């Protein structure tokens, strides 16, 4: 048995009390890939909006949130790499939109995040595969969360 097997066998079955948070990295390198953790719509330490799109959060507010989330992703990547020149390509982006029942324009909210990636990184490096998903709620009440995977220059 290796160390991980031993630690798994010794790990308690029940989780730690709520509020005890494990360490999660803003970005994680995996070879020539960089995975940015999901970022919510925070600017200057405050959410731009709170709630669900179509129920308290207007469509244009949600697009502004998506753009801010993408900006936060790029900021985390820049902080890790010391700049954005190390990015060869955005590979994949996932955008979650906290949506009221019946709201089906998640893809249009997500377009605002895609637009920023293309503006900043250019048409070649910024073009990516994407999923835009509607969910009931997101962490901290953010209306949008964006996560991305990047291919780094070798």
C-alpha atoms as a PDB file:
ATOM      1  CA  UNK A   1       0.000   0.000   0.000  1.00  0.00           C
ATOM      2  CA  UNK A   2       1.320   3.484  -0.838  1.00  0.00           C
ATOM      3  CA  UNK A   3       1.012   6.668   1.267  1.00  0.00           C
ATOM      4  CA  UNK A   4      -2.180   7.853  -0.452  1.00  0.00           C
ATOM      5  CA  UNK A   5      -3.820   4.473   0.156  1.00  0.00           C
ATOM      6  CA  UNK A   6      -2.838   4.640   3.823  1.00  0.00           C
ATOM      7  CA  UNK A   7      -4.186   8.205   4.180  1.00  0.00           C
ATOM      8  CA  UNK A   8      -7.462   7.212   2.491  1.00  0.00           C
ATOM      9  CA  UNK A   9      -7.896   4.281   4.855  1.00  0.00           C
ATOM     10  CA  UNK A  10      -7.252   6.583   7.845  1.00  0.00           C
ATOM     11  CA  UNK A  11      -9.450   9.480   6.629  1.00  0.00           C
ATOM     12  CA  UNK A  12     -12.655   9.991   8.619  1.00  0.00           C
ATOM     13  CA  UNK A  13     -15.859   9.106   6.757  1.00  0.00           C
ATOM     14  CA  UNK A  14     -17.577  12.358   7.792  1.00  0.00           C
ATOM     15  CA  UNK A  15     -16.458  15.809   6.553  1.00  0.00           C
ATOM     16  CA  UNK A  16     -15.015  18.495   8.807  1.00  0.00           C
ATOM     17  CA  UNK A  17     -17.512  21.012  10.185  1.00  0.00           C
ATOM     18  CA  UNK A  18     -18.814  23.592   7.705  1.00  0.00           C
ATOM     19  CA  UNK A  19     -16.628  26.670   7.600  1.00  0.00           C
ATOM     20  CA  UNK A  20     -13.406  24.674   7.705  1.00  0.00           C
ATOM     21  CA  UNK A  21     -12.243  25.285   4.148  1.00  0.00           C
ATOM     22  CA  UNK A  22      -9.614  23.200   2.349  1.00  0.00           C
ATOM     23  CA  UNK A  23      -6.936  25.036   0.379  1.00  0.00           C
ATOM     24  CA  UNK A  24      -7.991  25.558  -3.239  1.00  0.00           C
ATOM     25  CA  UNK A  25      -5.598  27.118  -5.728  1.00  0.00           C
ATOM     26  CA  UNK A  26      -6.728  29.987  -7.979  1.00  0.00           C
ATOM     27  CA  UNK A  27      -4.809  28.255 -10.767  1.00  0.00           C
ATOM     28  CA  UNK A  28      -3.202  24.864 -11.142  1.00  0.00           C
ATOM     29  CA  UNK A  29      -0.519  23.870 -13.633  1.00  0.00           C
ATOM     30  CA  UNK A  30      -0.673  20.438 -15.233  1.00  0.00           C
ATOM     31  CA  UNK A  31       2.215  20.140 -17.670  1.00  0.00           C
ATOM     32  CA  UNK A  32       1.564  22.618 -20.476  1.00  0.00           C
ATOM     33  CA  UNK A  33      -1.971  23.249 -19.222  1.00  0.00           C
ATOM     34  CA  UNK A  34      -3.107  25.828 -16.716  1.00  0.00           C
ATOM     35  CA  UNK A  35      -6.512  25.375 -15.118  1.00  0.00           C
ATOM     36  CA  UNK A  36      -8.054  28.467 -13.552  1.00  0.00           C
ATOM     37  CA  UNK A  37     -10.524  27.838 -10.747  1.00  0.00           C
ATOM     38  CA  UNK A  38     -14.004  29.229 -11.126  1.00  0.00           C
ATOM     39  CA  UNK A  39     -14.174  32.963 -10.501  1.00  0.00           C
ATOM     40  CA  UNK A  40     -17.295  34.813  -9.423  1.00  0.00           C
ATOM     41  CA  UNK A  41     -18.383  38.362 -10.296  1.00  0.00           C
ATOM     42  CA  UNK A  42     -16.347  40.248  -7.683  1.00  0.00           C
ATOM     43  CA  UNK A  43     -14.769  43.661  -8.232  1.00  0.00           C
ATOM     44  CA  UNK A  44     -13.017  45.563  -5.445  1.00  0.00           C
ATOM     45  CA  UNK A  45     -14.086  42.890  -2.958  1.00  0.00           C
ATOM     46  CA  UNK A  46     -17.815  43.171  -3.707  1.00  0.00           C
ATOM     47  CA  UNK A  47     -20.216  41.233  -5.921  1.00  0.00           C
ATOM     48  CA  UNK A  48     -21.431  43.232  -8.914  1.00  0.00           C
ATOM     49  CA  UNK A  49     -24.877  41.677  -8.470  1.00  0.00           C
ATOM     50  CA  UNK A  50     -26.435  38.932  -6.399  1.00  0.00           C
ATOM     51  CA  UNK A  51     -29.118  36.399  -7.250  1.00  0.00           C
ATOM     52  CA  UNK A  52     -30.521  34.733 -10.339  1.00  0.00           C
ATOM     53  CA  UNK A  53     -30.721  36.077 -13.858  1.00  0.00           C
ATOM     54  CA  UNK A  54     -34.352  36.677 -14.751  1.00  0.00           C
ATOM     55  CA  UNK A  55     -35.301  37.034 -11.076  1.00  0.00           C
ATOM     56  CA  UNK A  56     -33.643  40.077  -9.539  1.00  0.00           C
ATOM     57  CA  UNK A  57     -30.608  40.219 -11.846  1.00  0.00           C
ATOM     58  CA  UNK A  58     -31.140  41.910 -15.207  1.00  0.00           C
ATOM     59  CA  UNK A  59     -29.737  40.453 -18.413  1.00  0.00           C
ATOM     60  CA  UNK A  60     -27.260  43.340 -18.921  1.00  0.00           C
ATOM     61  CA  UNK A  61     -26.115  43.035 -15.284  1.00  0.00           C
ATOM     62  CA  UNK A  62     -25.472  39.325 -15.858  1.00  0.00           C
ATOM     63  CA  UNK A  63     -23.373  40.103 -18.951  1.00  0.00           C
ATOM     64  CA  UNK A  64     -21.324  42.587 -16.900  1.00  0.00           C
ATOM     65  CA  UNK A  65     -20.871  39.850 -14.287  1.00  0.00           C
ATOM     66  CA  UNK A  66     -19.687  37.365 -16.921  1.00  0.00           C
ATOM     67  CA  UNK A  67     -17.154  39.884 -18.207  1.00  0.00           C
ATOM     68  CA  UNK A  68     -15.896  40.531 -14.660  1.00  0.00           C
ATOM     69  CA  UNK A  69     -15.592  36.789 -14.009  1.00  0.00           C
ATOM     70  CA  UNK A  70     -13.462  36.405 -17.154  1.00  0.00           C
ATOM     71  CA  UNK A  71     -11.347  39.373 -16.057  1.00  0.00           C
ATOM     72  CA  UNK A  72     -10.836  37.682 -12.680  1.00  0.00           C
ATOM     73  CA  UNK A  73      -9.786  34.456 -14.424  1.00  0.00           C
ATOM     74  CA  UNK A  74      -7.243  36.354 -16.535  1.00  0.00           C
ATOM     75  CA  UNK A  75      -5.967  38.189 -13.457  1.00  0.00           C
ATOM     76  CA  UNK A  76      -5.390  34.890 -11.622  1.00  0.00           C
ATOM     77  CA  UNK A  77      -3.550  33.521 -14.671  1.00  0.00           C
ATOM     78  CA  UNK A  78      -1.475  36.703 -15.029  1.00  0.00           C
ATOM     79  CA  UNK A  79      -0.554  36.558 -11.339  1.00  0.00           C
ATOM     80  CA  UNK A  80       0.601  32.934 -11.727  1.00  0.00           C
ATOM     81  CA  UNK A  81       2.572  33.477 -14.938  1.00  0.00           C
ATOM     82  CA  UNK A  82       3.828  37.017 -14.326  1.00  0.00           C
ATOM     83  CA  UNK A  83       1.980  38.137 -17.472  1.00  0.00           C
ATOM     84  CA  UNK A  84      -0.345  36.824 -20.146  1.00  0.00           C
ATOM     85  CA  UNK A  85       2.307  36.275 -22.840  1.00  0.00           C
ATOM     86  CA  UNK A  86       2.758  32.668 -21.667  1.00  0.00           C
ATOM     87  CA  UNK A  87      -0.705  31.747 -22.962  1.00  0.00           C
ATOM     88  CA  UNK A  88      -0.700  29.989 -26.297  1.00  0.00           C
ATOM     89  CA  UNK A  89      -4.424  29.249 -26.409  1.00  0.00           C
ATOM     90  CA  UNK A  90      -7.578  29.305 -24.322  1.00  0.00           C
ATOM     91  CA  UNK A  91      -8.727  25.704 -24.643  1.00  0.00           C
ATOM     92  CA  UNK A  92     -12.056  25.544 -22.850  1.00  0.00           C
ATOM     93  CA  UNK A  93     -14.289  27.828 -20.825  1.00  0.00           C
ATOM     94  CA  UNK A  94     -17.249  26.872 -18.663  1.00  0.00           C
ATOM     95  CA  UNK A  95     -19.720  29.563 -17.649  1.00  0.00           C
ATOM     96  CA  UNK A  96     -22.390  28.860 -15.048  1.00  0.00           C
ATOM     97  CA  UNK A  97     -25.336  31.250 -14.886  1.00  0.00           C
ATOM     98  CA  UNK A  98     -27.615  31.243 -11.838  1.00  0.00           C
ATOM     99  CA  UNK A  99     -30.930  31.229 -13.675  1.00  0.00           C
ATOM    100  CA  UNK A 100     -34.553  31.769 -12.809  1.00  0.00           C
ATOM    101  CA  UNK A 101     -36.936  29.067 -14.088  1.00  0.00           C
ATOM    102  CA  UNK A 102     -37.568  29.619 -17.785  1.00  0.00           C
ATOM    103  CA  UNK A 103     -34.408  31.674 -18.424  1.00  0.00           C
ATOM    104  CA  UNK A 104     -32.733  30.145 -21.485  1.00  0.00           C
ATOM    105  CA  UNK A 105     -30.241  32.786 -22.658  1.00  0.00           C
ATOM    106  CA  UNK A 106     -27.224  31.515 -20.720  1.00  0.00           C
ATOM    107  CA  UNK A 107     -25.248  31.435 -23.977  1.00  0.00           C
ATOM    108  CA  UNK A 108     -25.845  35.164 -24.488  1.00  0.00           C
ATOM    109  CA  UNK A 109     -24.679  35.945 -20.947  1.00  0.00           C
ATOM    110  CA  UNK A 110     -21.611  33.766 -21.579  1.00  0.00           C
ATOM    111  CA  UNK A 111     -20.823  35.692 -24.767  1.00  0.00           C
ATOM    112  CA  UNK A 112     -19.628  38.613 -22.617  1.00  0.00           C
ATOM    113  CA  UNK A 113     -16.900  36.425 -21.081  1.00  0.00           C
ATOM    114  CA  UNK A 114     -15.906  35.088 -24.490  1.00  0.00           C
ATOM    115  CA  UNK A 115     -15.756  38.621 -25.898  1.00  0.00           C
ATOM    116  CA  UNK A 116     -13.282  39.717 -23.202  1.00  0.00           C
ATOM    117  CA  UNK A 117     -11.032  36.701 -23.783  1.00  0.00           C
ATOM    118  CA  UNK A 118     -10.979  37.465 -27.505  1.00  0.00           C
ATOM    119  CA  UNK A 119     -10.330  41.188 -26.896  1.00  0.00           C
ATOM    120  CA  UNK A 120      -7.424  40.544 -24.540  1.00  0.00           C
ATOM    121  CA  UNK A 121      -5.794  37.489 -26.140  1.00  0.00           C
ATOM    122  CA  UNK A 122      -6.751  37.987 -29.792  1.00  0.00           C
ATOM    123  CA  UNK A 123      -8.780  35.969 -32.260  1.00  0.00           C
ATOM    124  CA  UNK A 124      -6.340  33.045 -32.383  1.00  0.00           C
ATOM    125  CA  UNK A 125      -5.239  32.575 -28.767  1.00  0.00           C
ATOM    126  CA  UNK A 126      -8.576  33.684 -27.337  1.00  0.00           C
ATOM    127  CA  UNK A 127     -10.829  31.372 -29.359  1.00  0.00           C
ATOM    128  CA  UNK A 128     -12.054  28.439 -27.260  1.00  0.00           C
ATOM    129  CA  UNK A 129     -14.539  25.643 -26.792  1.00  0.00           C
ATOM    130  CA  UNK A 130     -17.275  26.600 -24.355  1.00  0.00           C
ATOM    131  CA  UNK A 131     -20.158  25.386 -22.246  1.00  0.00           C
ATOM    132  CA  UNK A 132     -22.780  27.776 -20.831  1.00  0.00           C
ATOM    133  CA  UNK A 133     -24.950  26.193 -18.163  1.00  0.00           C
ATOM    134  CA  UNK A 134     -27.937  27.347 -16.153  1.00  0.00           C
ATOM    135  CA  UNK A 135     -27.924  26.436 -12.461  1.00  0.00           C
ATOM    136  CA  UNK A 136     -30.159  27.187  -9.477  1.00  0.00           C
ATOM    137  CA  UNK A 137     -27.490  29.043  -7.457  1.00  0.00           C
ATOM    138  CA  UNK A 138     -23.767  29.782  -7.317  1.00  0.00           C
ATOM    139  CA  UNK A 139     -21.281  30.363  -4.473  1.00  0.00           C
ATOM    140  CA  UNK A 140     -21.706  33.625  -2.538  1.00  0.00           C
ATOM    141  CA  UNK A 141     -24.874  34.405  -4.534  1.00  0.00           C
ATOM    142  CA  UNK A 142     -22.932  35.427  -7.647  1.00  0.00           C
ATOM    143  CA  UNK A 143     -25.107  35.323 -10.772  1.00  0.00           C
ATOM    144  CA  UNK A 144     -22.206  34.015 -12.898  1.00  0.00           C
ATOM    145  CA  UNK A 145     -19.065  31.905 -12.450  1.00  0.00           C
ATOM    146  CA  UNK A 146     -16.359  31.328 -15.074  1.00  0.00           C
ATOM    147  CA  UNK A 147     -13.673  28.616 -15.165  1.00  0.00           C
ATOM    148  CA  UNK A 148     -11.090  28.154 -17.933  1.00  0.00           C
ATOM    149  CA  UNK A 149      -8.292  25.896 -19.131  1.00  0.00           C
ATOM    150  CA  UNK A 150      -5.305  27.328 -21.003  1.00  0.00           C
ATOM    151  CA  UNK A 151      -2.546  25.822 -23.127  1.00  0.00           C
ATOM    152  CA  UNK A 152       0.792  27.402 -22.217  1.00  0.00           C
ATOM    153  CA  UNK A 153       3.660  28.177 -24.552  1.00  0.00           C
ATOM    154  CA  UNK A 154       6.409  25.585 -24.268  1.00  0.00           C
END
